[in-house]
Amino acid sequence: QGLALKPGPQIGELLAAIHLAQAEGLVGSREEALEWVKRQL
């Protein structure tokens, strides 16, 4: 939701990157995660 990404391997890569960012303390909420992903794209 909110990113208009098509299904595919990129989704899995982004989810893995979000989990890593959470573990590193870079994101703490859904909103922060969405903003983080937008900056990565």
N, C-alpha and C. Protein backbone atom coordinates (compact mmCIF):
# COMPACT_ATOMS: atom_id res chain seq x y z
N GLN A 1 0.83 -1.19 0.00
CA GLN A 1 0.00 0.00 0.00
C GLN A 1 0.87 1.24 0.00
N GLY A 2 0.50 2.18 -0.85
CA GLY A 2 1.19 3.45 -0.87
C GLY A 2 2.43 3.51 -1.74
N LEU A 3 2.89 2.37 -2.25
CA LEU A 3 4.11 2.38 -3.06
C LEU A 3 3.87 1.95 -4.50
N ALA A 4 2.76 1.33 -4.78
CA ALA A 4 2.40 0.88 -6.13
C ALA A 4 3.49 0.02 -6.76
N LEU A 5 4.00 -0.93 -6.00
CA LEU A 5 5.00 -1.85 -6.53
C LEU A 5 4.32 -3.09 -7.08
N LYS A 6 4.88 -3.61 -8.17
CA LYS A 6 4.35 -4.83 -8.76
C LYS A 6 4.93 -6.03 -8.02
N PRO A 7 4.16 -7.13 -7.95
CA PRO A 7 4.68 -8.34 -7.31
C PRO A 7 5.95 -8.81 -8.02
N GLY A 8 6.87 -9.32 -7.25
CA GLY A 8 8.11 -9.83 -7.84
C GLY A 8 9.21 -9.90 -6.80
N PRO A 9 10.40 -10.27 -7.24
CA PRO A 9 11.52 -10.44 -6.32
C PRO A 9 11.90 -9.16 -5.59
N GLN A 10 11.64 -8.01 -6.20
CA GLN A 10 12.00 -6.74 -5.56
C GLN A 10 11.28 -6.57 -4.22
N ILE A 11 10.05 -7.06 -4.12
CA ILE A 11 9.29 -6.96 -2.87
C ILE A 11 10.02 -7.70 -1.75
N GLY A 12 10.46 -8.91 -2.04
CA GLY A 12 11.19 -9.68 -1.03
C GLY A 12 12.49 -9.01 -0.62
N GLU A 13 13.19 -8.43 -1.59
CA GLU A 13 14.43 -7.73 -1.29
C GLU A 13 14.16 -6.51 -0.41
N LEU A 14 13.10 -5.78 -0.71
CA LEU A 14 12.75 -4.61 0.10
C LEU A 14 12.35 -5.01 1.52
N LEU A 15 11.59 -6.09 1.65
CA LEU A 15 11.20 -6.55 2.98
C LEU A 15 12.42 -6.95 3.81
N ALA A 16 13.36 -7.63 3.17
CA ALA A 16 14.58 -8.01 3.88
C ALA A 16 15.37 -6.77 4.30
N ALA A 17 15.42 -5.78 3.42
CA ALA A 17 16.13 -4.54 3.74
C ALA A 17 15.44 -3.79 4.87
N ILE A 18 14.11 -3.81 4.89
CA ILE A 18 13.36 -3.15 5.97
C ILE A 18 13.64 -3.85 7.29
N HIS A 19 13.66 -5.17 7.29
CA HIS A 19 13.95 -5.91 8.53
C HIS A 19 15.35 -5.56 9.04
N LEU A 20 16.30 -5.44 8.14
CA LEU A 20 17.66 -5.06 8.53
C LEU A 20 17.67 -3.64 9.09
N ALA A 21 16.96 -2.73 8.43
CA ALA A 21 16.88 -1.35 8.90
C ALA A 21 16.24 -1.28 10.29
N GLN A 22 15.25 -2.12 10.53
CA GLN A 22 14.62 -2.18 11.86
C GLN A 22 15.63 -2.67 12.89
N ALA A 23 16.37 -3.70 12.55
CA ALA A 23 17.36 -4.25 13.48
C ALA A 23 18.45 -3.24 13.80
N GLU A 24 18.76 -2.37 12.83
CA GLU A 24 19.78 -1.35 13.02
C GLU A 24 19.23 -0.09 13.69
N GLY A 25 17.91 -0.08 13.93
CA GLY A 25 17.29 1.06 14.59
C GLY A 25 17.01 2.23 13.67
N LEU A 26 17.05 2.00 12.36
CA LEU A 26 16.80 3.08 11.40
C LEU A 26 15.32 3.38 11.22
N VAL A 27 14.48 2.38 11.42
CA VAL A 27 13.03 2.56 11.33
C VAL A 27 12.37 1.89 12.53
N GLY A 28 11.30 2.50 13.01
CA GLY A 28 10.63 1.95 14.17
C GLY A 28 9.13 1.81 14.01
N SER A 29 8.60 2.41 12.95
CA SER A 29 7.16 2.35 12.73
C SER A 29 6.89 2.06 11.25
N ARG A 30 5.65 1.76 10.95
CA ARG A 30 5.25 1.51 9.56
C ARG A 30 5.52 2.74 8.71
N GLU A 31 5.18 3.91 9.25
CA GLU A 31 5.37 5.16 8.51
C GLU A 31 6.85 5.41 8.22
N GLU A 32 7.69 5.17 9.21
CA GLU A 32 9.13 5.33 9.01
C GLU A 32 9.64 4.34 7.97
N ALA A 33 9.12 3.13 8.00
CA ALA A 33 9.53 2.11 7.02
C ALA A 33 9.13 2.52 5.61
N LEU A 34 7.93 3.06 5.45
CA LEU A 34 7.49 3.51 4.12
C LEU A 34 8.37 4.64 3.61
N GLU A 35 8.69 5.59 4.46
CA GLU A 35 9.57 6.70 4.06
C GLU A 35 10.96 6.18 3.71
N TRP A 36 11.45 5.23 4.48
CA TRP A 36 12.76 4.65 4.23
C TRP A 36 12.79 3.98 2.85
N VAL A 37 11.73 3.20 2.55
CA VAL A 37 11.65 2.52 1.25
C VAL A 37 11.59 3.53 0.12
N LYS A 38 10.81 4.59 0.28
CA LYS A 38 10.72 5.62 -0.77
C LYS A 38 12.09 6.22 -1.06
N ARG A 39 12.89 6.41 -0.02
CA ARG A 39 14.24 6.98 -0.23
C ARG A 39 15.15 5.98 -0.93
N GLN A 40 14.89 4.69 -0.76
CA GLN A 40 15.74 3.66 -1.37
C GLN A 40 15.42 3.46 -2.86
N LEU A 41 14.22 3.78 -3.26
CA LEU A 41 13.80 3.53 -4.65
C LEU A 41 14.28 4.58 -5.60
